[in-house]
Amino acid sequence: ASPQRRQFFRSIQISGDLAAFDGLELVQSQSTHWNSYFLSIGRALNVKERIQLFCDQYEPPQSDRDVLDQRLSPRQWDELGHLHDQLETFYEATVMNEGRQWTLADHFQSLDWLMDEIHLARRKFEQLAEDALRKRGPNRQDKHDEFDDYNWLAAAAEVAWQKCEKYYNKADESPAYYAAISLNPSLKNQWYYQVWNGSDDKRAWIQAVVGAVKELWVDEYKGKFAHGAPVPTHVFKSPEPKEKSFTSVRNHKRLKLRHFDPHSSPELPLTDHYNEFITTDVIGLNDDEEFDPIQYWNERYHSQTDLARMALDVLALPPMSDECERLFSSAKLLLTDHRSRLRMDVIEASECLRAWYGRPEQKAFEDSAIGLMEGEAGSTVGADGPGEGE
């Protein structure tokens, strides 16, 4: 948009109940930015009234095209609303997997939830398309009507489901995805019984998944690390989660203890740590409680070394690459003109310590320039400039 259009749109004020949206500008979507279409459509829906006033009142120069030609119809606004509702599920899945407090288990659980949500969306749009087709009647007047809109949305949901299924099926290529769930003491194998037992298609998967995790234990870990294994020296405490939200995906990933059936898993001999772990009760959590499985297994590394090693191997894998990308950005800031010849092992150790201990506290360094270079909390250029001690 031209500066003139931006300035005119910025000047439009609604006031009243919609005063909170006055002054907001539109958000440009980007193909390389996660969830940018969801955020862009959401902003447009929030300032819908201002957009409509802009189209009614703006007088473009003679060389510009009239904005009335670009005005959205009520049906197009409804279509944007449907798109926003469905894209919100992907936004929820993104937020519930980014950061360092999530594990590989969250990746698969979120995919399972996404497929259910997309399936429901597809059925909803197919039903709306059928209803629109019945209302259309034999004499069609518009070249493009509600049936076409809902039919397109149903087709888009089908494509999204196929893309999600592609990554969902990749979990079968490695038992690590399933092991991350089974070795979480607040989930174990009971999560599969809770989520899959009600589906005729998925019920048959449970024993295959349980068997794959058991095979991984026997082939790769049982009796192989108990003696002479390195001992972890640091227990990382995951940061406090943000304000509770995204209830649907949270509930899908949480084990509801009221559905627990102690007889659903066969009795296994208590001769190895894996069988002992799987056959004991899960750790019950309330809706407002969080649990750190990595800390749980670090605390048991001495007593159950083989099983703890297996659990830590799979739980250490992040569900997303966002944390890895942050480390790349942090390492870039570490390399300055004053220390351009750092060796790789020093860079690696520095980033490891930063991940463990976080940013330095404010005023941790006497020299403010060093504090700024080290990412000291609250550091800004000129923080110790003239006037501070006057």
Protein backbone atom coordinates (compact mmCIF):
# COMPACT_ATOMS: atom_id res chain seq x y z
CA ALA A 1 0.00 0.00 0.00
CA SER A 2 1.11 3.55 -0.68
CA PRO A 3 2.05 5.88 2.20
CA GLN A 4 -1.10 7.92 1.46
CA ARG A 5 -3.33 4.88 1.87
CA ARG A 6 -1.57 3.85 5.07
CA GLN A 7 -1.94 7.34 6.53
CA PHE A 8 -5.64 7.52 5.66
CA PHE A 9 -6.32 4.07 7.12
CA ARG A 10 -4.43 5.03 10.28
CA SER A 11 -6.66 8.10 10.69
CA ILE A 12 -9.90 6.09 10.74
CA GLN A 13 -11.24 5.79 14.29
CA ILE A 14 -14.22 3.65 15.32
CA SER A 15 -14.25 4.36 19.10
CA GLY A 16 -16.90 2.81 21.32
CA ASP A 17 -16.64 -0.94 21.88
CA LEU A 18 -14.11 -1.24 19.05
CA ALA A 19 -11.79 1.50 20.29
CA ALA A 20 -9.15 -1.10 21.17
CA PHE A 21 -8.64 -1.75 17.44
CA ASP A 22 -8.22 1.92 16.49
CA GLY A 23 -4.69 2.65 15.35
CA LEU A 24 -3.92 -0.95 14.44
CA GLU A 25 -2.50 -1.50 10.98
CA LEU A 26 -2.87 -4.48 8.70
CA VAL A 27 -0.36 -7.32 8.96
CA GLN A 28 1.37 -8.49 5.78
CA SER A 29 1.52 -12.27 5.46
CA GLN A 30 4.84 -13.91 4.53
CA SER A 31 5.33 -17.37 3.11
CA THR A 32 8.49 -17.85 5.20
CA HIS A 33 6.92 -16.77 8.50
CA TRP A 34 5.08 -19.42 10.52
CA ASN A 35 1.34 -18.79 10.95
CA SER A 36 1.61 -15.46 9.14
CA TYR A 37 -1.65 -16.03 7.25
CA PHE A 38 -3.47 -16.79 10.51
CA LEU A 39 -2.13 -13.59 12.08
CA SER A 40 -2.80 -11.54 8.95
CA ILE A 41 -6.41 -12.72 8.61
CA GLY A 42 -6.97 -12.29 12.34
CA ARG A 43 -5.87 -8.65 12.18
CA ALA A 44 -8.10 -8.03 9.14
CA LEU A 45 -11.12 -9.49 10.98
CA ASN A 46 -10.37 -7.31 14.02
CA VAL A 47 -10.32 -4.11 11.95
CA LYS A 48 -13.07 -5.17 9.54
CA GLU A 49 -15.18 -2.06 10.21
CA ARG A 50 -12.22 0.24 9.58
CA ILE A 51 -11.42 -1.55 6.32
CA GLN A 52 -15.00 -1.10 5.13
CA LEU A 53 -14.95 2.60 6.05
CA PHE A 54 -11.65 2.96 4.22
CA CYS A 55 -13.16 1.48 1.05
CA ASP A 56 -16.17 3.83 1.33
CA GLN A 57 -14.28 7.05 2.10
CA TYR A 58 -10.88 6.87 0.46
CA GLU A 59 -10.54 8.88 -2.76
CA PRO A 60 -7.54 7.59 -4.70
CA PRO A 61 -5.53 9.72 -7.15
CA GLN A 62 -6.57 9.50 -10.77
CA SER A 63 -3.67 7.17 -11.54
CA ASP A 64 -4.77 4.64 -8.88
CA ARG A 65 -7.49 2.04 -9.17
CA ASP A 66 -10.65 2.62 -7.15
CA VAL A 67 -10.53 0.66 -3.88
CA LEU A 68 -14.25 -0.14 -4.19
CA ASP A 69 -13.26 -2.79 -6.73
CA GLN A 70 -11.27 -4.52 -3.97
CA ARG A 71 -13.99 -4.45 -1.31
CA LEU A 72 -14.85 -7.86 0.16
CA SER A 73 -18.41 -9.12 0.06
CA PRO A 74 -20.14 -10.45 3.22
CA ARG A 75 -19.67 -13.99 1.89
CA GLN A 76 -15.93 -13.41 1.45
CA TRP A 77 -15.68 -12.14 5.03
CA ASP A 78 -17.42 -15.32 6.19
CA GLU A 79 -14.93 -17.38 4.21
CA LEU A 80 -12.05 -15.53 5.89
CA GLY A 81 -13.64 -16.27 9.26
CA HIS A 82 -13.76 -20.00 8.48
CA LEU A 83 -10.14 -19.93 7.30
CA HIS A 84 -9.04 -18.16 10.46
CA ASP A 85 -10.82 -20.69 12.68
CA GLN A 86 -9.09 -23.62 10.99
CA LEU A 87 -5.66 -21.99 10.82
CA GLU A 88 -5.91 -21.40 14.56
CA THR A 89 -5.44 -25.14 15.14
CA PHE A 90 -2.05 -24.94 13.40
CA TYR A 91 -1.17 -21.87 15.46
CA GLU A 92 -2.04 -23.74 18.66
CA ALA A 93 0.07 -26.72 17.61
CA THR A 94 3.00 -24.39 16.88
CA VAL A 95 2.85 -22.57 20.21
CA MET A 96 2.44 -25.83 22.12
CA ASN A 97 5.67 -27.21 20.62
CA GLU A 98 8.03 -24.23 20.52
CA GLY A 99 10.56 -23.61 23.25
CA ARG A 100 12.77 -25.87 25.30
CA GLN A 101 10.14 -27.26 27.70
CA TRP A 102 8.59 -29.63 25.14
CA THR A 103 9.79 -33.07 24.02
CA LEU A 104 9.48 -35.40 21.06
CA ALA A 105 6.30 -36.79 22.62
CA ASP A 106 4.60 -33.42 22.07
CA HIS A 107 5.42 -33.59 18.36
CA PHE A 108 3.52 -36.82 17.77
CA GLN A 109 0.68 -35.96 20.15
CA SER A 110 0.16 -32.63 18.39
CA LEU A 111 0.08 -34.34 14.99
CA ASP A 112 -2.50 -36.79 16.28
CA TRP A 113 -4.63 -33.91 17.56
CA LEU A 114 -4.18 -31.95 14.32
CA MET A 115 -5.41 -34.85 12.21
CA ASP A 116 -8.54 -35.13 14.33
CA GLU A 117 -9.20 -31.38 14.08
CA ILE A 118 -8.64 -31.30 10.31
CA HIS A 119 -10.94 -34.30 9.86
CA LEU A 120 -13.71 -32.51 11.77
CA ALA A 121 -13.17 -29.36 9.70
CA ARG A 122 -13.41 -31.30 6.45
CA ARG A 123 -16.67 -32.92 7.53
CA LYS A 124 -18.06 -29.51 8.57
CA PHE A 125 -17.27 -27.90 5.22
CA GLU A 126 -18.62 -30.88 3.29
CA GLN A 127 -21.89 -30.60 5.22
CA LEU A 128 -22.06 -26.84 4.62
CA ALA A 129 -21.43 -27.43 0.91
CA GLU A 130 -24.28 -29.95 0.77
CA ASP A 131 -26.61 -27.50 2.53
CA ALA A 132 -25.63 -24.72 0.12
CA LEU A 133 -26.21 -27.01 -2.86
CA ARG A 134 -29.73 -27.80 -1.67
CA LYS A 135 -30.49 -24.10 -1.23
CA ARG A 136 -29.12 -23.23 -4.66
CA GLY A 137 -31.99 -24.76 -6.56
CA PRO A 138 -32.10 -25.56 -10.28
CA ASN A 139 -31.75 -21.95 -11.45
CA ARG A 140 -28.22 -20.90 -10.61
CA GLN A 141 -27.64 -17.17 -10.91
CA ASP A 142 -24.13 -16.52 -9.59
CA LYS A 143 -21.07 -18.02 -11.24
CA HIS A 144 -19.53 -18.40 -7.79
CA ASP A 145 -21.75 -19.05 -4.76
CA GLU A 146 -21.63 -20.51 -1.24
CA PHE A 147 -21.39 -24.08 -2.52
CA ASP A 148 -18.17 -23.26 -4.36
CA ASP A 149 -16.74 -21.54 -1.26
CA TYR A 150 -17.46 -24.46 1.07
CA ASN A 151 -16.41 -27.00 -1.53
CA TRP A 152 -13.06 -25.20 -1.85
CA LEU A 153 -12.63 -25.13 1.94
CA ALA A 154 -13.41 -28.86 2.14
CA ALA A 155 -10.82 -29.56 -0.57
CA ALA A 156 -8.26 -27.42 1.29
CA ALA A 157 -8.94 -29.38 4.48
CA GLU A 158 -8.42 -32.63 2.58
CA VAL A 159 -5.05 -31.43 1.25
CA ALA A 160 -4.04 -30.33 4.76
CA TRP A 161 -5.03 -33.74 6.13
CA GLN A 162 -2.92 -35.52 3.50
CA LYS A 163 0.10 -33.34 4.32
CA CYS A 164 -0.36 -34.00 8.03
CA GLU A 165 -0.74 -37.73 7.38
CA LYS A 166 2.60 -37.73 5.54
CA TYR A 167 4.44 -36.60 8.68
CA TYR A 168 2.22 -38.69 10.93
CA ASN A 169 3.23 -41.87 9.11
CA LYS A 170 6.91 -40.99 9.44
CA ALA A 171 6.63 -41.84 13.13
CA ASP A 172 6.63 -45.51 12.11
CA GLU A 173 10.16 -45.08 10.74
CA SER A 174 11.55 -44.67 14.26
CA PRO A 175 10.18 -45.91 17.60
CA ALA A 176 11.64 -42.81 19.28
CA TYR A 177 8.37 -40.90 18.81
CA TYR A 178 6.42 -43.59 20.63
CA ALA A 179 9.15 -44.18 23.23
CA ALA A 180 9.02 -40.50 24.21
CA ILE A 181 5.36 -41.00 25.15
CA SER A 182 5.77 -44.41 26.78
CA LEU A 183 8.70 -43.23 28.92
CA ASN A 184 6.91 -40.12 30.17
CA PRO A 185 5.81 -41.14 33.70
CA SER A 186 2.66 -39.01 33.41
CA LEU A 187 1.56 -40.75 30.18
CA LYS A 188 3.13 -44.18 29.61
CA ASN A 189 1.23 -46.55 27.31
CA GLN A 190 -2.08 -45.47 28.84
CA TRP A 191 -2.15 -42.43 26.55
CA TYR A 192 -2.58 -44.72 23.54
CA TYR A 193 -5.46 -46.55 25.19
CA GLN A 194 -7.13 -43.27 26.08
CA VAL A 195 -6.82 -41.65 22.62
CA TRP A 196 -6.87 -44.60 20.22
CA ASN A 197 -9.07 -47.19 21.91
CA GLY A 198 -12.24 -45.44 20.75
CA SER A 199 -11.29 -45.68 17.06
CA ASP A 200 -11.66 -48.92 15.14
CA ASP A 201 -8.81 -47.91 12.84
CA LYS A 202 -6.38 -46.83 15.56
CA ARG A 203 -7.14 -49.51 18.14
CA ALA A 204 -5.06 -52.05 16.24
CA TRP A 205 -2.05 -49.73 16.35
CA ILE A 206 -1.69 -49.88 20.13
CA GLN A 207 -0.04 -53.28 20.40
CA ALA A 208 2.24 -52.52 17.43
CA VAL A 209 3.43 -49.30 19.10
CA VAL A 210 3.91 -50.97 22.49
CA GLY A 211 5.88 -53.76 20.81
CA ALA A 212 8.09 -51.32 18.90
CA VAL A 213 9.09 -49.50 22.10
CA LYS A 214 9.77 -52.79 23.89
CA GLU A 215 11.92 -53.95 20.96
CA LEU A 216 13.94 -50.71 21.10
CA TRP A 217 14.56 -51.30 24.81
CA VAL A 218 15.70 -54.90 24.38
CA ASP A 219 17.86 -54.33 21.28
CA GLU A 220 19.53 -51.02 22.10
CA TYR A 221 19.51 -50.38 25.85
CA LYS A 222 18.80 -53.31 28.15
CA GLY A 223 21.99 -54.23 30.02
CA LYS A 224 24.25 -52.02 27.88
CA PHE A 225 24.79 -48.87 29.96
CA ALA A 226 24.45 -49.90 33.60
CA HIS A 227 28.23 -50.13 34.11
CA GLY A 228 30.69 -47.37 33.28
CA ALA A 229 28.10 -44.98 31.88
CA PRO A 230 28.75 -41.23 32.15
CA VAL A 231 26.65 -39.55 34.80
CA PRO A 232 24.79 -36.31 34.07
CA THR A 233 26.12 -33.50 36.23
CA HIS A 234 23.46 -30.91 35.54
CA VAL A 235 19.70 -31.06 35.85
CA PHE A 236 18.00 -28.46 33.69
CA LYS A 237 14.83 -26.96 35.11
CA SER A 238 12.39 -26.13 32.36
CA PRO A 239 11.04 -22.58 32.38
CA GLU A 240 7.60 -21.83 33.69
CA PRO A 241 4.99 -22.22 30.92
CA LYS A 242 3.09 -19.24 29.67
CA GLU A 243 -0.45 -18.44 30.72
CA LYS A 244 -2.69 -21.48 30.33
CA SER A 245 -4.46 -21.52 26.98
CA PHE A 246 -4.98 -23.81 24.00
CA THR A 247 -7.21 -26.09 26.08
CA SER A 248 -8.06 -28.47 23.25
CA VAL A 249 -4.52 -29.52 22.37
CA ARG A 250 -3.52 -29.57 26.06
CA ASN A 251 -6.36 -31.97 26.88
CA HIS A 252 -5.47 -34.17 23.90
CA LYS A 253 -1.90 -34.53 25.17
CA ARG A 254 -2.78 -35.08 28.84
CA LEU A 255 -3.68 -38.48 30.26
CA LYS A 256 -7.09 -38.45 31.92
CA LEU A 257 -6.64 -40.70 34.92
CA ARG A 258 -10.34 -41.48 35.23
CA HIS A 259 -9.98 -43.58 32.06
CA PHE A 260 -7.06 -45.58 33.44
CA ASP A 261 -7.62 -49.31 33.27
CA PRO A 262 -5.06 -51.22 35.34
CA HIS A 263 -5.91 -54.41 33.47
CA SER A 264 -5.32 -52.99 29.99
CA SER A 265 -1.62 -53.91 30.05
CA PRO A 266 -0.67 -57.55 30.57
CA GLU A 267 1.16 -58.51 33.72
CA LEU A 268 4.86 -58.77 32.92
CA PRO A 269 7.62 -60.20 35.05
CA LEU A 270 9.26 -57.61 37.30
CA THR A 271 12.76 -58.58 36.25
CA ASP A 272 13.75 -55.61 34.13
CA HIS A 273 13.36 -51.90 34.73
CA TYR A 274 11.28 -51.25 31.62
CA ASN A 275 8.59 -53.75 32.58
CA GLU A 276 8.59 -52.45 36.14
CA PHE A 277 8.15 -48.89 34.89
CA ILE A 278 5.42 -49.62 32.34
CA THR A 279 3.29 -51.76 34.67
CA THR A 280 3.24 -49.28 37.55
CA ASP A 281 0.73 -46.44 37.83
CA VAL A 282 1.26 -43.20 35.99
CA ILE A 283 2.00 -40.00 37.87
CA GLY A 284 -1.30 -38.19 38.17
CA LEU A 285 -1.41 -34.51 37.23
CA ASN A 286 -4.13 -31.94 37.74
CA ASP A 287 -5.10 -29.62 34.90
CA ASP A 288 -2.92 -26.82 36.27
CA GLU A 289 0.15 -28.98 36.94
CA GLU A 290 3.21 -29.49 34.73
CA PHE A 291 5.75 -32.30 34.85
CA ASP A 292 9.39 -32.44 33.71
CA PRO A 293 10.18 -36.01 32.55
CA ILE A 294 13.84 -35.13 31.86
CA GLN A 295 14.40 -34.14 35.47
CA TYR A 296 12.57 -37.30 36.56
CA TRP A 297 14.97 -39.54 34.63
CA ASN A 298 18.08 -37.57 35.57
CA GLU A 299 17.24 -38.25 39.21
CA ARG A 300 17.05 -42.00 38.48
CA TYR A 301 20.17 -42.27 36.37
CA HIS A 302 22.14 -44.12 39.07
CA SER A 303 19.42 -46.62 40.00
CA GLN A 304 18.00 -47.32 36.50
CA THR A 305 20.84 -46.39 34.19
CA ASP A 306 19.77 -48.35 31.10
CA LEU A 307 16.16 -47.15 31.17
CA ALA A 308 17.13 -43.61 32.11
CA ARG A 309 19.60 -43.50 29.20
CA MET A 310 16.88 -44.62 26.79
CA ALA A 311 14.40 -42.08 28.16
CA LEU A 312 16.89 -39.21 28.06
CA ASP A 313 17.95 -40.07 24.51
CA VAL A 314 14.41 -39.76 23.15
CA LEU A 315 13.20 -36.96 25.43
CA ALA A 316 16.22 -34.78 24.60
CA LEU A 317 15.06 -34.48 20.98
CA PRO A 318 13.17 -31.20 20.45
CA PRO A 319 9.82 -31.33 18.64
CA MET A 320 10.70 -28.21 16.62
CA SER A 321 13.81 -26.46 15.35
CA ASP A 322 13.04 -23.07 16.89
CA GLU A 323 15.32 -23.56 19.90
CA CYS A 324 18.17 -24.73 17.64
CA GLU A 325 17.72 -21.64 15.49
CA ARG A 326 17.88 -19.43 18.58
CA LEU A 327 21.21 -21.03 19.45
CA PHE A 328 22.54 -20.18 15.99
CA SER A 329 21.48 -16.56 16.51
CA SER A 330 23.06 -16.51 19.97
CA ALA A 331 26.33 -17.94 18.64
CA LYS A 332 26.40 -15.23 15.99
CA LEU A 333 26.29 -12.60 18.73
CA LEU A 334 29.07 -14.41 20.59
CA LEU A 335 31.50 -13.94 17.69
CA THR A 336 32.50 -10.27 17.62
CA ASP A 337 35.46 -8.34 16.22
CA HIS A 338 37.16 -8.64 19.62
CA ARG A 339 36.94 -12.45 19.69
CA SER A 340 36.79 -13.60 16.11
CA ARG A 341 39.18 -16.54 16.59
CA LEU A 342 37.25 -18.58 19.15
CA ARG A 343 37.57 -22.31 18.66
CA MET A 344 34.53 -24.49 18.09
CA ASP A 345 34.76 -26.21 21.48
CA VAL A 346 34.80 -22.83 23.26
CA ILE A 347 31.76 -21.64 21.30
CA GLU A 348 29.95 -24.88 22.05
CA ALA A 349 30.75 -24.67 25.77
CA SER A 350 29.70 -21.01 25.94
CA GLU A 351 26.34 -21.68 24.30
CA CYS A 352 25.79 -24.69 26.55
CA LEU A 353 26.38 -22.57 29.66
CA ARG A 354 24.11 -19.82 28.33
CA ALA A 355 21.35 -22.39 27.76
CA TRP A 356 21.77 -23.70 31.30
CA TYR A 357 22.08 -20.44 33.20
CA GLY A 358 20.33 -17.92 30.95
CA ARG A 359 21.38 -14.35 30.28
CA PRO A 360 23.70 -12.63 32.79
CA GLU A 361 21.97 -10.54 35.42
CA GLN A 362 21.93 -6.77 35.10
CA LYS A 363 25.21 -5.13 36.20
CA ALA A 364 27.00 -8.49 36.23
CA PHE A 365 30.01 -6.84 34.53
CA GLU A 366 31.78 -3.69 35.67
CA ASP A 367 32.41 -2.68 32.07
CA SER A 368 29.04 -1.86 30.45
CA ALA A 369 30.47 -2.53 26.98
CA ILE A 370 31.30 -6.09 28.00
CA GLY A 371 27.87 -6.46 29.57
CA LEU A 372 26.22 -5.35 26.36
CA MET A 373 28.40 -7.72 24.33
CA GLU A 374 27.53 -10.63 26.68
CA GLY A 375 23.79 -10.00 26.41
CA GLU A 376 23.44 -8.73 29.98
CA ALA A 377 19.80 -8.33 31.00
CA GLY A 378 18.62 -4.75 30.57
CA SER A 379 21.76 -3.68 28.70
CA THR A 380 21.32 -0.92 26.15
CA VAL A 381 23.74 1.24 24.28
CA GLY A 382 24.63 4.19 26.44
CA ALA A 383 23.25 2.64 29.64
CA ASP A 384 26.24 3.97 31.58
CA GLY A 385 26.42 7.21 29.65
CA PRO A 386 26.68 10.74 31.04
CA GLY A 387 24.16 11.68 33.65
CA GLU A 388 23.81 8.34 35.42
CA GLY A 389 25.90 9.28 38.42
CA GLU A 390 25.17 12.98 38.40
